[in-house]
N, C-alpha and C. Protein backbone atom coordinates (compact mmCIF):
# COMPACT_ATOMS: atom_id res chain seq x y z
N MET A 1 100.99 27.79 -52.35
CA MET A 1 102.40 29.28 -52.08
C MET A 1 103.24 27.48 -53.28
N GLY A 2 103.73 27.56 -54.40
CA GLY A 2 104.03 26.83 -55.08
C GLY A 2 105.32 26.48 -54.24
N TYR A 3 106.09 25.55 -55.62
CA TYR A 3 107.41 24.79 -54.79
C TYR A 3 108.30 25.43 -55.07
N PHE A 4 108.39 26.69 -55.81
CA PHE A 4 110.01 27.45 -55.65
C PHE A 4 110.03 28.15 -54.48
N ASN A 5 108.52 28.33 -53.83
CA ASN A 5 108.92 28.99 -52.46
C ASN A 5 108.85 28.20 -51.24
N SER A 6 108.33 27.34 -51.38
CA SER A 6 109.03 26.10 -50.62
C SER A 6 110.13 25.68 -49.60
N ILE A 7 111.20 26.28 -50.00
CA ILE A 7 112.02 26.04 -48.93
C ILE A 7 111.42 26.75 -47.89
N TYR A 8 111.28 27.85 -47.64
CA TYR A 8 110.76 29.28 -47.04
C TYR A 8 110.31 28.40 -45.40
N ASN A 9 109.27 27.31 -45.99
CA ASN A 9 108.31 26.76 -44.71
C ASN A 9 108.76 25.16 -44.61
N SER A 10 110.52 24.91 -45.41
CA SER A 10 110.52 23.29 -45.39
C SER A 10 111.32 22.96 -44.11
N GLY A 11 111.34 24.48 -42.98
CA GLY A 11 112.07 23.26 -41.56
C GLY A 11 113.74 23.74 -42.10
N LEU A 12 114.55 23.81 -43.57
CA LEU A 12 115.91 24.08 -42.99
C LEU A 12 116.09 25.79 -42.50
N GLY A 13 117.12 25.65 -42.15
CA GLY A 13 117.93 26.52 -41.86
C GLY A 13 117.20 28.05 -43.23
N HIS A 14 119.02 29.43 -42.40
CA HIS A 14 118.35 30.33 -43.15
C HIS A 14 119.32 29.96 -43.65
N ARG A 15 120.87 29.55 -43.29
CA ARG A 15 122.66 29.39 -43.93
C ARG A 15 121.60 27.81 -45.19
N ALA A 16 121.04 27.49 -45.04
CA ALA A 16 120.02 26.27 -46.05
C ALA A 16 119.89 27.12 -47.23
N VAL A 17 119.18 28.08 -46.87
CA VAL A 17 117.75 28.45 -47.74
C VAL A 17 119.29 29.31 -48.83
N ALA A 18 120.06 29.91 -47.80
CA ALA A 18 120.72 31.56 -48.46
C ALA A 18 121.50 30.42 -49.98
N VAL A 19 122.31 28.87 -49.10
CA VAL A 19 122.95 28.50 -49.79
C VAL A 19 122.07 28.28 -51.16
N TYR A 20 120.60 27.54 -51.16
CA TYR A 20 119.44 27.20 -52.37
C TYR A 20 119.87 28.25 -52.92
N ARG A 21 119.65 29.34 -52.49
CA ARG A 21 119.56 31.07 -53.90
C ARG A 21 120.41 30.75 -54.40
N CYS A 22 121.35 30.79 -53.37
CA CYS A 22 122.50 31.04 -54.65
C CYS A 22 122.93 30.50 -55.58
N LEU A 23 122.60 28.92 -55.59
CA LEU A 23 122.75 27.89 -56.72
C LEU A 23 122.10 28.36 -58.04
N GLN A 24 120.47 28.74 -57.46
CA GLN A 24 119.08 29.63 -58.19
C GLN A 24 120.45 30.36 -59.29
N ASP A 25 120.64 30.57 -58.35
CA ASP A 25 121.10 32.35 -59.21
C ASP A 25 121.89 32.32 -60.61
N HIS A 26 122.83 30.96 -59.23
CA HIS A 26 124.76 30.40 -60.52
C HIS A 26 123.54 29.51 -61.75
N ALA A 27 122.07 28.94 -61.72
CA ALA A 27 122.14 27.47 -62.66
C ALA A 27 121.96 28.17 -63.80
N ASN A 28 121.92 27.21 -64.77
CA ASN A 28 121.60 27.46 -66.08
C ASN A 28 120.21 27.03 -66.49
N ALA A 29 119.96 27.05 -67.84
CA ALA A 29 118.35 26.41 -67.62
C ALA A 29 118.06 25.38 -67.46
N GLU A 30 118.40 23.84 -67.29
CA GLU A 30 118.51 22.96 -66.78
C GLU A 30 118.42 22.71 -64.92
N GLY A 31 118.60 23.95 -64.43
CA GLY A 31 118.81 23.90 -63.20
C GLY A 31 120.19 23.22 -62.35
N ARG A 32 120.87 23.37 -63.71
CA ARG A 32 122.31 22.85 -63.77
C ARG A 32 123.57 23.73 -63.08
N CYS A 33 124.33 24.11 -62.03
CA CYS A 33 125.82 24.69 -61.86
C CYS A 33 126.79 24.69 -60.87
N TRP A 34 127.94 24.29 -61.46
CA TRP A 34 128.77 23.90 -61.15
C TRP A 34 130.23 24.65 -59.55
N LEU A 35 129.16 25.53 -59.01
CA LEU A 35 129.90 26.21 -58.34
C LEU A 35 130.49 24.99 -57.02
N SER A 36 132.00 25.60 -56.54
CA SER A 36 133.10 24.58 -55.67
C SER A 36 131.83 25.83 -54.31
N MET A 37 132.53 24.74 -53.16
CA MET A 37 131.84 25.15 -52.42
C MET A 37 132.60 26.24 -51.55
N ASN A 38 133.80 26.88 -51.85
CA ASN A 38 134.61 27.56 -51.67
C ASN A 38 134.32 29.01 -52.39
N THR A 39 133.60 28.84 -53.73
CA THR A 39 133.15 29.84 -54.10
C THR A 39 131.86 30.39 -53.45
N ILE A 40 131.15 29.76 -53.31
CA ILE A 40 129.60 29.30 -52.63
C ILE A 40 129.70 30.10 -51.12
N ALA A 41 131.20 30.12 -49.98
CA ALA A 41 131.41 30.53 -49.04
C ALA A 41 131.57 32.21 -48.87
N ALA A 42 131.88 32.60 -49.83
CA ALA A 42 132.63 33.55 -50.33
C ALA A 42 131.78 34.31 -50.45
N GLU A 43 130.86 34.17 -51.61
CA GLU A 43 129.78 34.57 -51.62
C GLU A 43 128.72 35.02 -50.85
N LEU A 44 128.92 33.97 -49.50
CA LEU A 44 127.09 33.81 -48.87
C LEU A 44 128.33 34.10 -47.56
N HIS A 45 129.45 34.74 -47.85
CA HIS A 45 130.84 35.20 -46.37
C HIS A 45 129.91 33.93 -45.07
N LEU A 46 130.22 32.63 -45.56
CA LEU A 46 130.11 31.23 -44.45
C LEU A 46 131.09 31.39 -44.28
N SER A 47 131.33 29.99 -43.67
CA SER A 47 132.42 29.29 -43.31
C SER A 47 131.98 28.05 -44.78
N ARG A 48 133.58 27.45 -44.54
CA ARG A 48 133.48 26.14 -45.70
C ARG A 48 132.37 25.03 -45.27
N ALA A 49 132.65 24.63 -44.17
CA ALA A 49 131.69 23.71 -43.50
C ALA A 49 130.44 23.86 -43.44
N THR A 50 130.46 25.58 -43.58
CA THR A 50 128.30 25.63 -42.78
C THR A 50 127.83 25.87 -44.28
N VAL A 51 128.92 25.88 -45.33
CA VAL A 51 128.26 25.49 -46.62
C VAL A 51 128.21 23.91 -47.26
N LYS A 52 128.93 23.30 -46.78
CA LYS A 52 128.79 21.77 -46.63
C LYS A 52 127.58 21.31 -45.99
N ARG A 53 127.81 22.06 -44.40
CA ARG A 53 126.51 21.32 -43.98
C ARG A 53 125.09 21.73 -44.46
N ALA A 54 124.97 22.62 -45.16
CA ALA A 54 123.33 22.86 -45.50
C ALA A 54 123.40 22.48 -47.02
N LEU A 55 124.57 22.24 -47.19
CA LEU A 55 124.17 21.04 -49.23
C LEU A 55 124.04 20.24 -48.55
N ASP A 56 124.57 19.98 -47.50
CA ASP A 56 124.48 18.21 -47.02
C ASP A 56 122.53 17.83 -46.77
N ASP A 57 121.85 18.92 -45.98
CA ASP A 57 120.66 19.00 -45.60
C ASP A 57 120.18 19.08 -47.29
N LEU A 58 120.36 20.41 -48.12
CA LEU A 58 119.54 20.40 -49.37
C LEU A 58 119.40 19.09 -50.09
N CYS A 59 120.41 18.55 -50.41
CA CYS A 59 120.18 16.68 -50.53
C CYS A 59 119.04 16.24 -49.82
N ARG A 60 119.53 15.91 -48.84
CA ARG A 60 119.47 15.14 -48.12
C ARG A 60 117.25 15.30 -47.83
N GLU A 61 117.11 16.96 -48.22
CA GLU A 61 115.50 17.16 -48.25
C GLU A 61 115.30 16.56 -49.39
N GLY A 62 116.16 16.30 -50.52
CA GLY A 62 115.65 16.51 -51.87
C GLY A 62 115.57 17.89 -52.46
N TYR A 63 115.67 18.93 -52.31
CA TYR A 63 115.51 19.68 -52.91
C TYR A 63 117.16 20.65 -54.10
N VAL A 64 118.18 19.49 -53.89
CA VAL A 64 119.62 19.56 -54.51
C VAL A 64 119.27 18.12 -54.89
N GLN A 65 120.39 17.87 -56.05
CA GLN A 65 121.12 16.88 -56.12
C GLN A 65 122.69 16.64 -56.41
N ARG A 66 122.94 16.33 -55.77
CA ARG A 66 124.08 16.10 -56.48
C ARG A 66 125.63 15.57 -56.71
N GLU A 67 126.14 15.55 -57.42
CA GLU A 67 126.90 14.52 -59.03
C GLU A 67 128.34 15.53 -58.37
N HIS A 68 129.19 14.04 -57.80
CA HIS A 68 130.90 14.64 -58.39
C HIS A 68 130.90 14.60 -59.47
N ARG A 69 132.49 15.70 -60.20
CA ARG A 69 133.09 14.95 -61.55
C ARG A 69 134.41 15.22 -61.06
N TRP A 70 135.27 14.80 -61.71
CA TRP A 70 136.22 14.80 -62.17
C TRP A 70 137.32 15.10 -63.13
N ARG A 71 138.53 15.18 -62.56
CA ARG A 71 139.29 15.59 -63.91
C ARG A 71 139.80 14.81 -64.57
N GLU A 72 140.10 14.75 -65.41
CA GLU A 72 140.87 13.54 -66.72
C GLU A 72 142.32 12.68 -66.17
N ASN A 73 142.56 13.67 -64.82
CA ASN A 73 143.91 13.04 -63.74
C ASN A 73 143.24 12.46 -63.16
N GLY A 74 142.14 12.55 -62.97
CA GLY A 74 141.69 10.78 -61.53
C GLY A 74 141.36 12.03 -60.27
N SER A 75 141.59 13.19 -59.96
CA SER A 75 141.69 14.56 -59.08
C SER A 75 139.76 14.57 -58.66
N LEU A 76 139.45 15.52 -57.76
CA LEU A 76 137.88 15.78 -57.89
C LEU A 76 138.48 17.82 -58.57
N SER A 77 136.69 17.73 -58.99
CA SER A 77 136.77 18.99 -59.71
C SER A 77 135.43 19.21 -58.59
N SER A 78 134.92 20.07 -59.02
CA SER A 78 133.85 21.31 -58.25
C SER A 78 132.84 19.77 -58.92
N ASN A 79 131.71 20.46 -57.57
CA ASN A 79 130.30 19.89 -57.62
C ASN A 79 129.25 19.63 -59.01
N MET A 80 128.07 18.96 -59.77
CA MET A 80 127.77 19.80 -60.43
C MET A 80 126.37 19.53 -59.90
N TYR A 81 125.75 20.64 -58.93
CA TYR A 81 124.32 20.37 -58.66
C TYR A 81 123.44 20.76 -59.70
N ARG A 82 122.36 20.08 -59.50
CA ARG A 82 120.94 20.02 -59.97
C ARG A 82 119.79 20.51 -59.27
N ILE A 83 118.96 21.55 -59.31
CA ILE A 83 117.93 21.97 -58.42
C ILE A 83 117.04 21.14 -59.38
N LEU A 84 116.73 20.45 -57.08
CA LEU A 84 115.11 19.83 -58.54
C LEU A 84 113.50 20.15 -58.10
């Protein structure tokens, strides 16, 4: 089984796997995407809090890297996620 399929045997919950697949579906050729947590939550019919926990789990386990992005006025924009 390849790395792509290792997410299913990772011990992560099904919501984290769903979030991972959502990020994969929206990622560009470099494995990056800029979805907001609200967008992910709406697409997967999950709460924003559940998406945040799933993203935290994915980052902690090394499946996803999160980079905070900022607008010119200094406010926080959507995060950039990179599939590892």
